[in-house]
C-alpha atoms as a PDB file:
ATOM      1  CA  MET A   1     -13.287  -6.140  17.005  1.00  0.00           C
ATOM      2  CA  ARG A   2     -12.362  -2.819  17.130  1.00  0.00           C
ATOM      3  CA  VAL A   3      -9.319  -2.105  15.062  1.00  0.00           C
ATOM      4  CA  PHE A   4      -7.546   1.271  15.698  1.00  0.00           C
ATOM      5  CA  LEU A   5      -6.619   2.126  11.431  1.00  0.00           C
ATOM      6  CA  THR A   6      -4.348   4.630  10.414  1.00  0.00           C
ATOM      7  CA  GLY A   7      -4.196   6.027   7.211  1.00  0.00           C
ATOM      8  CA  ALA A   8      -8.102   5.588   7.789  1.00  0.00           C
ATOM      9  CA  THR A   9      -8.752   8.237   5.378  1.00  0.00           C
ATOM     10  CA  GLY A  10      -6.342   7.386   2.691  1.00  0.00           C
ATOM     11  CA  LEU A  11      -7.147   5.305  -0.751  1.00  0.00           C
ATOM     12  CA  ILE A  12      -6.546   2.450   1.288  1.00  0.00           C
ATOM     13  CA  GLY A  13      -8.435   3.040   4.398  1.00  0.00           C
ATOM     14  CA  SER A  14     -11.494   5.008   2.863  1.00  0.00           C
ATOM     15  CA  ALA A  15     -12.803   1.737   1.440  1.00  0.00           C
ATOM     16  CA  LEU A  16     -11.385  -0.678   4.160  1.00  0.00           C
ATOM     17  CA  VAL A  17     -13.592   1.277   6.437  1.00  0.00           C
ATOM     18  CA  PRO A  18     -16.775   0.242   5.469  1.00  0.00           C
ATOM     19  CA  GLU A  19     -15.344  -3.080   4.737  1.00  0.00           C
ATOM     20  CA  LEU A  20     -14.924  -3.612   8.064  1.00  0.00           C
ATOM     21  CA  ILE A  21     -17.724  -1.997   9.803  1.00  0.00           C
ATOM     22  CA  ASN A  22     -20.070  -3.906   6.534  1.00  0.00           C
ATOM     23  CA  ALA A  23     -18.706  -6.811   8.463  1.00  0.00           C
ATOM     24  CA  GLY A  24     -19.761  -5.907  11.914  1.00  0.00           C
ATOM     25  CA  HIS A  25     -16.439  -4.247  13.288  1.00  0.00           C
ATOM     26  CA  GLN A  26     -15.648  -1.112  14.781  1.00  0.00           C
ATOM     27  CA  VAL A  27     -13.393   1.593  13.193  1.00  0.00           C
ATOM     28  CA  LEU A  28     -11.582   3.666  15.460  1.00  0.00           C
ATOM     29  CA  GLY A  29      -9.757   6.216  12.695  1.00  0.00           C
ATOM     30  CA  LEU A  30      -6.266   8.098  12.868  1.00  0.00           C
ATOM     31  CA  THR A  31      -6.295  11.587  11.423  1.00  0.00           C
ATOM     32  CA  ARG A  32      -4.735  14.562  10.828  1.00  0.00           C
ATOM     33  CA  SER A  33      -7.534  16.878  10.190  1.00  0.00           C
ATOM     34  CA  GLU A  34     -10.944  18.012  10.900  1.00  0.00           C
ATOM     35  CA  SER A  35     -12.153  17.284   7.600  1.00  0.00           C
ATOM     36  CA  GLY A  36     -10.964  13.462   7.972  1.00  0.00           C
ATOM     37  CA  THR A  37     -12.581  13.480  11.454  1.00  0.00           C
ATOM     38  CA  ARG A  38     -15.984  14.560   9.300  1.00  0.00           C
ATOM     39  CA  ASN A  39     -15.616  11.770   6.855  1.00  0.00           C
ATOM     40  CA  LEU A  40     -15.108   9.116   9.191  1.00  0.00           C
ATOM     41  CA  LEU A  41     -18.077  10.083  11.526  1.00  0.00           C
ATOM     42  CA  ALA A  42     -19.985   9.709   8.489  1.00  0.00           C
ATOM     43  CA  ALA A  43     -18.965   6.644   7.242  1.00  0.00           C
ATOM     44  CA  GLY A  44     -20.320   5.144  10.882  1.00  0.00           C
ATOM     45  CA  ALA A  45     -16.371   5.283  12.295  1.00  0.00           C
ATOM     46  CA  GLU A  46     -15.004   6.809  15.376  1.00  0.00           C
ATOM     47  CA  ALA A  47     -12.252   9.481  15.072  1.00  0.00           C
ATOM     48  CA  LEU A  48      -8.911   9.922  16.780  1.00  0.00           C
ATOM     49  CA  ARG A  49      -6.924  13.314  16.096  1.00  0.00           C
ATOM     50  CA  GLY A  50      -3.285  12.639  15.402  1.00  0.00           C
ATOM     51  CA  SER A  51      -0.549  11.922  13.305  1.00  0.00           C
ATOM     52  CA  LEU A  52       1.859   9.003  13.344  1.00  0.00           C
ATOM     53  CA  GLU A  53       4.413  11.246  15.419  1.00  0.00           C
ATOM     54  CA  ASP A  54       2.301  11.304  18.879  1.00  0.00           C
ATOM     55  CA  LEU A  55       3.320   8.516  20.215  1.00  0.00           C
ATOM     56  CA  GLU A  56       1.190   8.740  22.782  1.00  0.00           C
ATOM     57  CA  VAL A  57      -1.912   8.646  20.647  1.00  0.00           C
ATOM     58  CA  LEU A  58      -0.761   5.502  18.971  1.00  0.00           C
ATOM     59  CA  ARG A  59      -0.650   4.139  22.680  1.00  0.00           C
ATOM     60  CA  ASN A  60      -4.458   5.239  23.678  1.00  0.00           C
ATOM     61  CA  GLY A  61      -6.298   4.358  20.561  1.00  0.00           C
ATOM     62  CA  ALA A  62      -3.732   0.409  20.496  1.00  0.00           C
ATOM     63  CA  ALA A  63      -4.857  -0.016  23.840  1.00  0.00           C
ATOM     64  CA  GLN A  64      -8.187   0.604  23.566  1.00  0.00           C
ATOM     65  CA  SER A  65      -8.865  -2.355  20.610  1.00  0.00           C
ATOM     66  CA  ASP A  66      -9.039  -5.760  19.989  1.00  0.00           C
ATOM     67  CA  GLY A  67      -5.936  -4.974  16.548  1.00  0.00           C
ATOM     68  CA  VAL A  68      -4.292  -2.478  14.805  1.00  0.00           C
ATOM     69  CA  ILE A  69      -4.050  -1.755  10.620  1.00  0.00           C
ATOM     70  CA  HIS A  70      -1.043   0.255   9.795  1.00  0.00           C
ATOM     71  CA  CYS A  71      -1.929   2.187   6.484  1.00  0.00           C
ATOM     72  CA  ALA A  72      -0.302   5.202   6.972  1.00  0.00           C
ATOM     73  CA  PHE A  73       2.657   6.949   5.182  1.00  0.00           C
ATOM     74  CA  ASP A  74       3.851  10.072   3.511  1.00  0.00           C
ATOM     75  CA  HIS A  75       5.044   9.629   0.039  1.00  0.00           C
ATOM     76  CA  GLU A  76       6.348  13.243   0.078  1.00  0.00           C
ATOM     77  CA  ASN A  77       9.203  12.597   2.901  1.00  0.00           C
ATOM     78  CA  PHE A  78      10.777   9.125   2.473  1.00  0.00           C
ATOM     79  CA  GLU A  79      13.745   9.234   4.838  1.00  0.00           C
ATOM     80  CA  GLN A  80      11.892  11.383   7.328  1.00  0.00           C
ATOM     81  CA  SER A  81       8.454   9.219   6.938  1.00  0.00           C
ATOM     82  CA  GLY A  82      10.847   5.753   7.316  1.00  0.00           C
ATOM     83  CA  ALA A  83      12.096   6.896  10.592  1.00  0.00           C
ATOM     84  CA  ILE A  84       8.821   7.839  11.952  1.00  0.00           C
ATOM     85  CA  GLU A  85       6.733   5.219  10.940  1.00  0.00           C
ATOM     86  CA  LYS A  86       9.830   2.379  12.170  1.00  0.00           C
ATOM     87  CA  GLN A  87       8.772   4.335  15.540  1.00  0.00           C
ATOM     88  CA  ALA A  88       5.159   4.257  15.405  1.00  0.00           C
ATOM     89  CA  ILE A  89       5.204  -0.068  14.170  1.00  0.00           C
ATOM     90  CA  THR A  90       7.479  -0.128  17.717  1.00  0.00           C
ATOM     91  CA  THR A  91       5.097   1.621  19.925  1.00  0.00           C
ATOM     92  CA  PHE A  92       2.180  -0.806  18.365  1.00  0.00           C
ATOM     93  CA  GLY A  93       4.071  -3.375  19.245  1.00  0.00           C
ATOM     94  CA  SER A  94       4.871  -2.443  22.732  1.00  0.00           C
ATOM     95  CA  SER A  95       1.379  -1.723  23.595  1.00  0.00           C
ATOM     96  CA  LEU A  96       0.099  -5.326  21.926  1.00  0.00           C
ATOM     97  CA  PHE A  97       2.449  -6.631  23.732  1.00  0.00           C
ATOM     98  CA  GLY A  98       1.570 -10.195  25.878  1.00  0.00           C
ATOM     99  CA  SER A  99      -1.302 -10.860  24.264  1.00  0.00           C
ATOM    100  CA  ASP A 100      -2.626 -12.550  21.273  1.00  0.00           C
ATOM    101  CA  ARG A 101      -4.750  -8.725  19.460  1.00  0.00           C
ATOM    102  CA  PRO A 102      -3.323  -8.742  16.089  1.00  0.00           C
ATOM    103  CA  LEU A 103      -0.731  -6.164  14.481  1.00  0.00           C
ATOM    104  CA  ILE A 104      -0.880  -5.907  11.036  1.00  0.00           C
ATOM    105  CA  VAL A 105       1.439  -3.479   9.113  1.00  0.00           C
ATOM    106  CA  SER A 106       1.440  -2.428   5.465  1.00  0.00           C
ATOM    107  CA  ALA A 107       4.857  -3.111   3.450  1.00  0.00           C
ATOM    108  CA  GLY A 108       5.507  -2.402  -0.264  1.00  0.00           C
ATOM    109  CA  LEU A 109       6.760  -4.765  -3.304  1.00  0.00           C
ATOM    110  CA  GLY A 110      10.196  -3.592  -3.685  1.00  0.00           C
ATOM    111  CA  LEU A 111      12.145  -6.464  -3.539  1.00  0.00           C
ATOM    112  CA  PRO A 112      14.744  -8.062  -6.250  1.00  0.00           C
ATOM    113  CA  SER A 113      12.407 -10.256  -8.574  1.00  0.00           C
ATOM    114  CA  PRO A 114      15.380 -13.100 -10.276  1.00  0.00           C
ATOM    115  CA  LYS A 115      13.062 -13.399 -12.954  1.00  0.00           C
ATOM    116  CA  ARG A 116      10.082 -14.593 -11.317  1.00  0.00           C
ATOM    117  CA  PRO A 117       7.186 -13.459  -9.347  1.00  0.00           C
ATOM    118  CA  ILE A 118       8.252 -12.330  -5.536  1.00  0.00           C
ATOM    119  CA  THR A 119       6.110 -14.836  -3.722  1.00  0.00           C
ATOM    120  CA  GLU A 120       5.325 -14.627   0.040  1.00  0.00           C
ATOM    121  CA  ASP A 121       7.859 -16.890   1.148  1.00  0.00           C
ATOM    122  CA  VAL A 122      11.010 -14.288   0.677  1.00  0.00           C
ATOM    123  CA  ASP A 123      12.027 -12.775   3.472  1.00  0.00           C
ATOM    124  CA  ALA A 124      12.712  -9.344   2.963  1.00  0.00           C
ATOM    125  CA  PRO A 125      16.603  -8.267   3.180  1.00  0.00           C
ATOM    126  CA  ALA A 126      17.649  -7.561   7.121  1.00  0.00           C
ATOM    127  CA  VAL A 127      18.504  -4.365   6.238  1.00  0.00           C
ATOM    128  CA  SER A 128      16.107  -1.896   3.979  1.00  0.00           C
ATOM    129  CA  PRO A 129      17.943  -0.861   1.012  1.00  0.00           C
ATOM    130  CA  THR A 130      15.224   1.956   0.945  1.00  0.00           C
ATOM    131  CA  PRO A 131      14.687   4.321   4.342  1.00  0.00           C
ATOM    132  CA  ARG A 132      11.647   2.795   4.527  1.00  0.00           C
ATOM    133  CA  SER A 133      11.365  -0.721   6.923  1.00  0.00           C
ATOM    134  CA  PRO A 134       8.102  -1.994   7.794  1.00  0.00           C
ATOM    135  CA  GLU A 135       8.949  -6.156   7.278  1.00  0.00           C
ATOM    136  CA  GLN A 136      11.974  -5.279   9.462  1.00  0.00           C
ATOM    137  CA  ALA A 137      10.231  -3.426  12.303  1.00  0.00           C
ATOM    138  CA  ALA A 138       7.764  -6.333  12.142  1.00  0.00           C
ATOM    139  CA  HIS A 139      10.157  -8.919  11.684  1.00  0.00           C
ATOM    140  CA  ALA A 140      11.623  -7.341  15.646  1.00  0.00           C
ATOM    141  CA  LEU A 141       8.635  -6.926  16.732  1.00  0.00           C
ATOM    142  CA  SER A 142       7.404 -10.704  15.659  1.00  0.00           C
ATOM    143  CA  VAL A 143      10.492 -12.299  17.531  1.00  0.00           C
ATOM    144  CA  GLN A 144       9.200 -10.500  20.832  1.00  0.00           C
ATOM    145  CA  GLY A 145       6.073 -12.759  20.500  1.00  0.00           C
ATOM    146  CA  VAL A 146       3.784 -10.043  18.963  1.00  0.00           C
ATOM    147  CA  ASN A 147       1.107 -10.988  16.835  1.00  0.00           C
ATOM    148  CA  VAL A 148       2.268  -9.432  13.589  1.00  0.00           C
ATOM    149  CA  THR A 149       1.500 -10.190   9.945  1.00  0.00           C
ATOM    150  CA  VAL A 150       2.324  -7.862   7.015  1.00  0.00           C
ATOM    151  CA  VAL A 151       0.382  -7.116   3.866  1.00  0.00           C
ATOM    152  CA  ARG A 152       2.699  -6.859   0.689  1.00  0.00           C
ATOM    153  CA  VAL A 153       0.818  -3.965  -1.081  1.00  0.00           C
ATOM    154  CA  PRO A 154       1.342  -3.769  -5.257  1.00  0.00           C
ATOM    155  CA  GLN A 155      -0.042  -0.863  -6.981  1.00  0.00           C
ATOM    156  CA  VAL A 156      -3.633  -0.115  -5.557  1.00  0.00           C
ATOM    157  CA  HIS A 157      -5.863   1.595  -8.242  1.00  0.00           C
ATOM    158  CA  ASN A 158      -9.534   3.260  -8.606  1.00  0.00           C
ATOM    159  CA  THR A 159     -10.373   5.285 -11.607  1.00  0.00           C
ATOM    160  CA  VAL A 160      -8.760   8.182  -9.283  1.00  0.00           C
ATOM    161  CA  LYS A 161      -5.538   6.952  -7.703  1.00  0.00           C
ATOM    162  CA  GLN A 162      -2.807   4.028  -8.620  1.00  0.00           C
ATOM    163  CA  GLY A 163       0.090   4.277  -6.916  1.00  0.00           C
ATOM    164  CA  LEU A 164       2.868   5.374  -8.397  1.00  0.00           C
ATOM    165  CA  ILE A 165       1.302   5.358 -11.275  1.00  0.00           C
ATOM    166  CA  THR A 166      -0.625   8.476 -10.410  1.00  0.00           C
ATOM    167  CA  THR A 167       2.746  10.307 -10.464  1.00  0.00           C
ATOM    168  CA  LEU A 168       3.655   8.998 -13.771  1.00  0.00           C
ATOM    169  CA  ILE A 169       0.665  10.653 -14.852  1.00  0.00           C
ATOM    170  CA  ALA A 170       1.709  13.982 -13.201  1.00  0.00           C
ATOM    171  CA  VAL A 171       5.376  13.630 -14.883  1.00  0.00           C
ATOM    172  CA  ALA A 172       3.994  12.751 -18.413  1.00  0.00           C
ATOM    173  CA  ARG A 173       1.563  16.073 -18.286  1.00  0.00           C
ATOM    174  CA  GLN A 174       4.615  17.950 -17.071  1.00  0.00           C
ATOM    175  CA  LYS A 175       6.914  16.604 -19.342  1.00  0.00           C
ATOM    176  CA  GLY A 176       4.440  16.891 -22.707  1.00  0.00           C
ATOM    177  CA  VAL A 177       5.133  12.581 -23.196  1.00  0.00           C
ATOM    178  CA  SER A 178       4.695   9.469 -21.518  1.00  0.00           C
ATOM    179  CA  ALA A 179       7.419   7.167 -20.837  1.00  0.00           C
ATOM    180  CA  TYR A 180       8.826   4.122 -19.734  1.00  0.00           C
ATOM    181  CA  VAL A 181      12.010   2.627 -19.510  1.00  0.00           C
ATOM    182  CA  ALA A 182      13.995   1.165 -21.959  1.00  0.00           C
ATOM    183  CA  GLU A 183      11.819  -1.623 -23.076  1.00  0.00           C
ATOM    184  CA  GLY A 184       9.365  -1.382 -20.858  1.00  0.00           C
ATOM    185  CA  LEU A 185       9.234  -4.586 -20.167  1.00  0.00           C
ATOM    186  CA  ASN A 186       9.629  -4.755 -17.128  1.00  0.00           C
ATOM    187  CA  ARG A 187       6.427  -5.322 -15.277  1.00  0.00           C
ATOM    188  CA  TRP A 188       4.713  -3.974 -12.017  1.00  0.00           C
ATOM    189  CA  PRO A 189       2.034  -6.075 -10.154  1.00  0.00           C
ATOM    190  CA  ALA A 190      -1.402  -4.564  -8.955  1.00  0.00           C
ATOM    191  CA  ALA A 191      -4.768  -4.829  -7.356  1.00  0.00           C
ATOM    192  CA  HIS A 192      -7.844  -3.015  -7.190  1.00  0.00           C
ATOM    193  CA  VAL A 193      -9.169  -1.135  -3.510  1.00  0.00           C
ATOM    194  CA  SER A 194     -11.749  -3.137  -2.962  1.00  0.00           C
ATOM    195  CA  ASP A 195     -10.065  -6.128  -3.027  1.00  0.00           C
ATOM    196  CA  VAL A 196      -7.099  -4.853  -1.274  1.00  0.00           C
ATOM    197  CA  ALA A 197      -9.339  -3.796   1.521  1.00  0.00           C
ATOM    198  CA  ARG A 198     -11.245  -7.577   1.918  1.00  0.00           C
ATOM    199  CA  LEU A 199      -7.835  -8.530   2.249  1.00  0.00           C
ATOM    200  CA  TYR A 200      -6.652  -6.728   5.406  1.00  0.00           C
ATOM    201  CA  ARG A 201     -10.058  -7.673   6.499  1.00  0.00           C
ATOM    202  CA  LEU A 202      -9.234 -11.541   6.273  1.00  0.00           C
ATOM    203  CA  ALA A 203      -6.480 -10.734   7.427  1.00  0.00           C
ATOM    204  CA  LEU A 204      -7.496  -9.692  10.665  1.00  0.00           C
ATOM    205  CA  GLU A 205     -10.377 -11.898  10.966  1.00  0.00           C
ATOM    206  CA  LYS A 206      -7.552 -14.705  10.871  1.00  0.00           C
ATOM    207  CA  ARG A 207      -5.460 -13.527  13.681  1.00  0.00           C
ATOM    208  CA  GLU A 208      -2.357 -15.688  12.650  1.00  0.00           C
ATOM    209  CA  PRO A 209       0.845 -14.172  12.075  1.00  0.00           C
ATOM    210  CA  SER A 210       1.741 -14.380   8.300  1.00  0.00           C
ATOM    211  CA  ARG A 211       2.615 -12.157   5.412  1.00  0.00           C
ATOM    212  CA  TYR A 212       0.267 -12.232   2.255  1.00  0.00           C
ATOM    213  CA  HIS A 213       0.294 -10.337  -0.746  1.00  0.00           C
ATOM    214  CA  ALA A 214      -2.644  -8.201  -1.722  1.00  0.00           C
ATOM    215  CA  VAL A 215      -1.712  -8.820  -5.522  1.00  0.00           C
ATOM    216  CA  ALA A 216      -4.782  -9.264  -8.264  1.00  0.00           C
ATOM    217  CA  GLU A 217      -2.300  -9.132 -11.181  1.00  0.00           C
ATOM    218  CA  GLU A 218       0.925 -10.722 -10.742  1.00  0.00           C
ATOM    219  CA  GLY A 219       2.699  -7.490 -13.741  1.00  0.00           C
ATOM    220  CA  ILE A 220       1.659  -5.668 -16.278  1.00  0.00           C
ATOM    221  CA  PRO A 221       4.437  -4.010 -18.082  1.00  0.00           C
ATOM    222  CA  LEU A 222       5.712  -0.704 -17.747  1.00  0.00           C
ATOM    223  CA  ARG A 223       5.469   0.149 -21.522  1.00  0.00           C
ATOM    224  CA  ASN A 224       1.340  -0.980 -21.377  1.00  0.00           C
ATOM    225  CA  ILE A 225       0.950   1.169 -18.386  1.00  0.00           C
ATOM    226  CA  ALA A 226       2.486   4.080 -20.228  1.00  0.00           C
ATOM    227  CA  ALA A 227       0.605   3.461 -23.519  1.00  0.00           C
ATOM    228  CA  VAL A 228      -3.086   4.035 -21.851  1.00  0.00           C
ATOM    229  CA  ILE A 229      -1.642   7.022 -20.333  1.00  0.00           C
ATOM    230  CA  GLY A 230      -0.242   8.640 -23.521  1.00  0.00           C
ATOM    231  CA  GLN A 231      -3.256   7.604 -25.408  1.00  0.00           C
ATOM    232  CA  SER A 232      -5.606   9.093 -22.731  1.00  0.00           C
ATOM    233  CA  LEU A 233      -3.857  12.285 -22.870  1.00  0.00           C
ATOM    234  CA  LYS A 234      -2.658  12.407 -26.149  1.00  0.00           C
ATOM    235  CA  MET A 235       0.049  12.532 -26.429  1.00  0.00           C
ATOM    236  CA  SER A 236       3.445  10.321 -27.410  1.00  0.00           C
ATOM    237  CA  VAL A 237       4.715   7.029 -26.044  1.00  0.00           C
ATOM    238  CA  VAL A 238       8.519   7.423 -25.444  1.00  0.00           C
ATOM    239  CA  SER A 239      11.562   5.425 -24.522  1.00  0.00           C
ATOM    240  CA  ILE A 240      13.947   6.532 -21.839  1.00  0.00           C
ATOM    241  CA  PRO A 241      17.178   5.233 -21.451  1.00  0.00           C
ATOM    242  CA  PRO A 242      18.201   3.965 -17.860  1.00  0.00           C
ATOM    243  CA  GLU A 243      20.697   6.466 -17.509  1.00  0.00           C
ATOM    244  CA  GLU A 244      18.120   9.022 -18.152  1.00  0.00           C
ATOM    245  CA  ALA A 245      15.246   8.230 -15.396  1.00  0.00           C
ATOM    246  CA  LEU A 246      16.078   9.661 -12.267  1.00  0.00           C
ATOM    247  CA  THR A 247      16.356  13.125 -14.525  1.00  0.00           C
ATOM    248  CA  HIS A 248      12.763  12.534 -16.043  1.00  0.00           C
ATOM    249  CA  PHE A 249      10.936  10.839 -13.835  1.00  0.00           C
ATOM    250  CA  GLY A 250      12.377  12.657 -10.691  1.00  0.00           C
ATOM    251  CA  ARG A 251      11.507  11.157  -7.159  1.00  0.00           C
ATOM    252  CA  VAL A 252      10.686   7.459  -8.713  1.00  0.00           C
ATOM    253  CA  GLY A 253      12.930   7.182 -11.466  1.00  0.00           C
ATOM    254  CA  GLY A 254      14.792   4.760  -9.038  1.00  0.00           C
ATOM    255  CA  TYR A 255      11.274   2.084  -9.296  1.00  0.00           C
ATOM    256  CA  VAL A 256      10.613   3.060 -12.575  1.00  0.00           C
ATOM    257  CA  GLY A 257      12.855   0.406 -14.531  1.00  0.00           C
ATOM    258  CA  LEU A 258      12.114  -2.433 -11.807  1.00  0.00           C
ATOM    259  CA  ASP A 259      10.573  -5.526 -12.281  1.00  0.00           C
ATOM    260  CA  LEU A 260       8.126  -6.456  -9.288  1.00  0.00           C
ATOM    261  CA  SER A 261       5.901  -9.117 -10.945  1.00  0.00           C
ATOM    262  CA  ALA A 262       4.648 -10.545  -7.290  1.00  0.00           C
ATOM    263  CA  SER A 263       2.560 -13.765  -6.676  1.00  0.00           C
ATOM    264  CA  SER A 264      -0.440 -13.805  -4.199  1.00  0.00           C
ATOM    265  CA  ALA A 265      -1.301 -17.629  -4.741  1.00  0.00           C
ATOM    266  CA  ILE A 266      -0.292 -18.660  -1.213  1.00  0.00           C
ATOM    267  CA  THR A 267      -2.557 -15.818   0.151  1.00  0.00           C
ATOM    268  CA  GLN A 268      -5.709 -16.810  -1.882  1.00  0.00           C
ATOM    269  CA  GLN A 269      -5.678 -20.299  -0.541  1.00  0.00           C
ATOM    270  CA  LYS A 270      -4.695 -19.354   3.146  1.00  0.00           C
ATOM    271  CA  LEU A 271      -7.200 -16.230   3.253  1.00  0.00           C
ATOM    272  CA  SER A 272      -9.889 -17.538   0.401  1.00  0.00           C
ATOM    273  CA  TRP A 273      -9.605 -14.751  -1.059  1.00  0.00           C
ATOM    274  CA  LEU A 274     -10.112 -14.269  -4.683  1.00  0.00           C
ATOM    275  CA  PRO A 275      -9.652 -10.562  -6.473  1.00  0.00           C
ATOM    276  CA  THR A 276     -13.301  -9.720  -8.588  1.00  0.00           C
ATOM    277  CA  GLY A 277     -12.161  -5.946  -9.204  1.00  0.00           C
ATOM    278  CA  PRO A 278     -11.414  -4.620 -12.157  1.00  0.00           C
ATOM    279  CA  GLY A 279      -7.925  -4.458 -13.953  1.00  0.00           C
ATOM    280  CA  LEU A 280      -5.002  -1.643 -13.739  1.00  0.00           C
ATOM    281  CA  ILE A 281      -6.082  -1.284 -17.427  1.00  0.00           C
ATOM    282  CA  GLU A 282      -9.665  -0.969 -17.235  1.00  0.00           C
ATOM    283  CA  ASP A 283      -9.346   1.650 -14.255  1.00  0.00           C
ATOM    284  CA  LEU A 284      -6.654   4.011 -16.696  1.00  0.00           C
ATOM    285  CA  GLU A 285      -8.867   3.780 -19.682  1.00  0.00           C
ATOM    286  CA  ASN A 286     -12.212   5.086 -17.534  1.00  0.00           C
ATOM    287  CA  MET A 287     -10.198   7.648 -15.279  1.00  0.00           C
ATOM    288  CA  ARG A 288     -12.663  10.935 -15.440  1.00  0.00           C
ATOM    289  CA  TYR A 289      -9.697  13.373 -15.819  1.00  0.00           C
ATOM    290  CA  LEU A 290      -6.991  12.050 -18.418  1.00  0.00           C
ATOM    291  CA  GLY A 291      -8.237  13.223 -21.468  1.00  0.00           C
ATOM    292  CA  GLU A 292      -8.991  16.755 -19.778  1.00  0.00           C
END
């Protein structure tokens, strides 16, 4: 297949490009920069210059492809980025409408967890509690008959980046302590980027509307994550009261105390997907810059 990929030079996209190419697919990657263009060409992909705000570019990329995988999102400004993403997903849907060409939309796992792991059959709320609403946009397209699949991603990691945990490391450096909220028993799911990339490819090749969880580890307690960060940075590990989380952690303060554990049992069965990459704690222990 010829695949149009947004976020092609990001953490997931950089692993997904070779995953797709090695499986015989062609990749057209969206990139905003000349360096991104060079990286995509060096990886054997084609490059399309533009951003999620360039709707005509998005239409063009989708029109010349057999499927679209959407992985791009700017986490620096959630409210603005959420509106841009919703418009981009809608644009992809209008380009793919009337065909069986698949659209794969990335979403987070920030859903309420009633003391059990979130499963793939748990629907996202009709109205997103955050400015980002990819699942709601995807659902609106599916009702119209577009072939839409949602991939919910956890803390995707390697030895350089780990999703929101990368921000926790930066906060620890700034504050001089590695912190968790309350008892730190709330859990975050995780998966190595190589396993996540393989799941996207399998979902693309399945070509069936569905919802998948790219989860290798159902939930790692935040206290354990803070402990390995503190050990590697040679600093104290402390508990922060819930009422001080926003002040201490900044923009991720609303998430640090949430229990977001998730299962991928249904996904593994549907896609014959078995995660094999390193665990989150192992990658945190082997980060090259933690001890600097």
